[in-house]
Amino acid sequence: VPTHITSDRGVQFTSDLWTEISNVFGSKLHQTTAYHPQANGIVERFHRHLKNALKARMKGNNWAEELPWVLLGIRTSAKEDLSCSSAELVYGYPLSVPRDFIDPTGHNQQPSTLLDRLRQKVGKFRPVPTSRHGKD
C-alpha cells in the first residue's frame, strides 16, 4: 500500500469515500493544483505510452485481456535514462520473459534443437513458495 498518493482534483479523488479508504490504509493524499496538467506530466506521458501500446497489440475490443501483456512489456523493456528496466529497479534483477529463453543468434538451428534448449531452461525452474501459502 503506498504511503503517499498524488492525484488531480477529480471528483473520484476528492470524495469522502476516497478519503476514508486512504485513512484506513494509512496513505497520505496529495492533490495537484487545479488546471495545472504539468503537475501530472509523468502520469500523462505514461498513459499516452500505454494507450499506444494497447492500440498496437489490440486484435479485438477487449483491451483488458491485452493489458497484462502490454504492462509486462513496458515493465521489462530497458529505459535509456535508467540503463535498466523498471522491473529491475523493483526486484533487483531483470525479469525473465519468454523471449529470453530463445537465443536470438539461433535463427538457422533446427526447431528440435531449439525445443530441446527450451526444455532444458524451463526444466531448471523451481516453484518458490509464498510465506503465507496454506495459511488462513
Protein backbone atom coordinates (compact mmCIF):
# COMPACT_ATOMS: atom_id res chain seq x y z
CA VAL A 1 0.00 0.00 0.00
CA PRO A 2 1.50 3.37 -0.96
CA THR A 3 2.33 5.78 1.85
CA HIS A 4 1.63 8.83 -0.37
CA ILE A 5 -0.88 9.17 -3.21
CA THR A 6 -0.74 12.16 -5.54
CA SER A 7 -3.77 12.79 -7.72
CA ASP A 8 -5.54 15.52 -9.59
CA ARG A 9 -8.69 17.10 -8.19
CA GLY A 10 -11.12 14.79 -9.96
CA VAL A 11 -14.33 14.02 -8.05
CA GLN A 12 -13.25 10.40 -7.58
CA PHE A 13 -10.19 11.63 -5.64
CA THR A 14 -11.93 14.29 -3.54
CA SER A 15 -14.83 12.17 -2.28
CA ASP A 16 -15.36 11.24 1.36
CA LEU A 17 -15.14 7.56 0.38
CA TRP A 18 -11.66 8.01 -1.13
CA THR A 19 -10.52 9.98 1.91
CA GLU A 20 -11.81 7.28 4.26
CA ILE A 21 -10.17 4.48 2.24
CA SER A 22 -6.83 6.29 2.33
CA ASN A 23 -7.19 6.77 6.10
CA VAL A 24 -7.91 3.06 6.62
CA PHE A 25 -4.74 2.13 4.71
CA GLY A 26 -2.67 4.93 6.22
CA SER A 27 -1.94 6.67 2.92
CA LYS A 28 -1.47 10.43 2.79
CA LEU A 29 -3.35 12.16 -0.01
CA HIS A 30 -1.74 14.95 -2.02
CA GLN A 31 -3.65 16.77 -4.72
CA THR A 32 -2.10 18.72 -7.55
CA THR A 33 -3.10 22.26 -8.34
CA ALA A 34 -6.32 22.65 -10.29
CA TYR A 35 -5.94 23.37 -14.01
CA HIS A 36 -2.23 22.62 -13.96
CA PRO A 37 -1.68 19.48 -16.09
CA GLN A 38 2.12 19.85 -15.90
CA ALA A 39 1.91 18.58 -12.32
CA ASN A 40 0.72 15.23 -13.69
CA GLY A 41 3.15 15.15 -16.63
CA ILE A 42 4.76 11.81 -15.79
CA VAL A 43 1.40 10.08 -15.43
CA GLU A 44 0.01 11.68 -18.59
CA ARG A 45 3.10 10.60 -20.56
CA PHE A 46 2.78 7.04 -19.24
CA HIS A 47 -0.92 6.94 -20.17
CA ARG A 48 -0.07 8.05 -23.71
CA HIS A 49 2.59 5.31 -23.94
CA LEU A 50 0.16 2.72 -22.51
CA LYS A 51 -2.63 3.68 -24.94
CA ASN A 52 -0.29 3.46 -27.93
CA ALA A 53 0.99 0.06 -26.82
CA LEU A 54 -2.57 -1.22 -26.33
CA LYS A 55 -3.60 0.04 -29.77
CA ALA A 56 -0.62 -1.74 -31.35
CA ARG A 57 -1.50 -5.04 -29.67
CA MET A 58 -5.30 -4.96 -29.95
CA LYS A 59 -6.89 -7.55 -32.19
CA GLY A 60 -10.44 -7.21 -30.87
CA ASN A 61 -12.31 -4.95 -28.50
CA ASN A 62 -11.23 -6.50 -25.19
CA TRP A 63 -8.35 -4.30 -24.03
CA ALA A 64 -8.48 -5.87 -20.54
CA GLU A 65 -7.12 -9.16 -21.97
CA GLU A 66 -4.17 -7.36 -23.54
CA LEU A 67 -3.36 -5.09 -20.58
CA PRO A 68 -1.24 -7.59 -18.57
CA TRP A 69 0.90 -8.37 -21.63
CA VAL A 70 1.36 -4.71 -22.51
CA LEU A 71 2.31 -3.86 -18.93
CA LEU A 72 4.78 -6.77 -18.83
CA GLY A 73 6.39 -5.42 -21.99
CA ILE A 74 6.59 -1.91 -20.60
CA ARG A 75 7.97 -3.07 -17.26
CA THR A 76 10.63 -5.36 -18.75
CA SER A 77 11.86 -3.05 -21.50
CA ALA A 78 15.09 -1.21 -20.79
CA LYS A 79 14.79 2.52 -20.17
CA GLU A 80 17.60 4.56 -21.73
CA ASP A 81 17.78 7.09 -18.91
CA LEU A 82 17.92 4.36 -16.23
CA SER A 83 20.05 1.82 -18.13
CA CYS A 84 17.71 -0.89 -16.84
CA SER A 85 14.02 -1.78 -16.75
CA SER A 86 11.54 -0.59 -14.16
CA ALA A 87 11.02 -4.24 -13.11
CA GLU A 88 14.76 -4.50 -12.44
CA LEU A 89 14.56 -1.46 -10.16
CA VAL A 90 11.71 -3.07 -8.20
CA TYR A 91 13.04 -6.64 -7.95
CA GLY A 92 16.79 -6.04 -8.13
CA TYR A 93 17.32 -8.20 -11.23
CA PRO A 94 15.85 -8.36 -14.74
CA LEU A 95 12.69 -10.43 -15.14
CA SER A 96 12.87 -13.45 -17.43
CA VAL A 97 10.18 -13.37 -20.07
CA PRO A 98 9.52 -15.91 -22.85
CA ARG A 99 11.69 -14.07 -25.38
CA ASP A 100 14.70 -14.54 -23.07
CA PHE A 101 14.63 -18.34 -23.43
CA ILE A 102 15.39 -18.37 -27.13
CA ASP A 103 18.85 -17.45 -28.42
CA PRO A 104 18.49 -14.62 -30.96
CA THR A 105 21.54 -15.92 -32.87
CA GLY A 106 19.97 -19.35 -33.37
CA HIS A 107 17.98 -18.46 -36.49
CA ASN A 108 19.46 -21.32 -38.54
CA GLN A 109 19.02 -24.01 -35.91
CA GLN A 110 16.62 -26.88 -36.30
CA PRO A 111 13.32 -26.47 -34.43
CA SER A 112 14.04 -29.66 -32.47
CA THR A 113 17.34 -28.18 -31.23
CA LEU A 114 15.60 -25.01 -30.10
CA LEU A 115 12.90 -27.08 -28.42
CA ASP A 116 15.50 -29.14 -26.55
CA ARG A 117 17.25 -25.99 -25.32
CA LEU A 118 13.93 -24.51 -24.24
CA ARG A 119 13.06 -27.70 -22.32
CA GLN A 120 16.43 -27.57 -20.53
CA LYS A 121 15.94 -23.96 -19.47
CA VAL A 122 12.33 -24.47 -18.37
CA GLY A 123 13.34 -27.66 -16.55
CA LYS A 124 15.55 -25.59 -14.26
CA PHE A 125 12.57 -23.60 -12.98
CA ARG A 126 11.60 -24.29 -9.40
CA PRO A 127 8.46 -23.02 -7.69
CA VAL A 128 9.01 -20.52 -4.91
CA PRO A 129 6.56 -20.99 -2.04
CA THR A 130 4.97 -17.87 -0.67
CA SER A 131 5.35 -17.11 3.01
CA ARG A 132 1.61 -17.40 3.64
CA HIS A 133 0.97 -20.46 1.48
CA GLY A 134 -1.63 -22.71 3.07
CA LYS A 135 -2.41 -20.37 5.96
CA ASP A 136 -5.88 -18.97 6.55
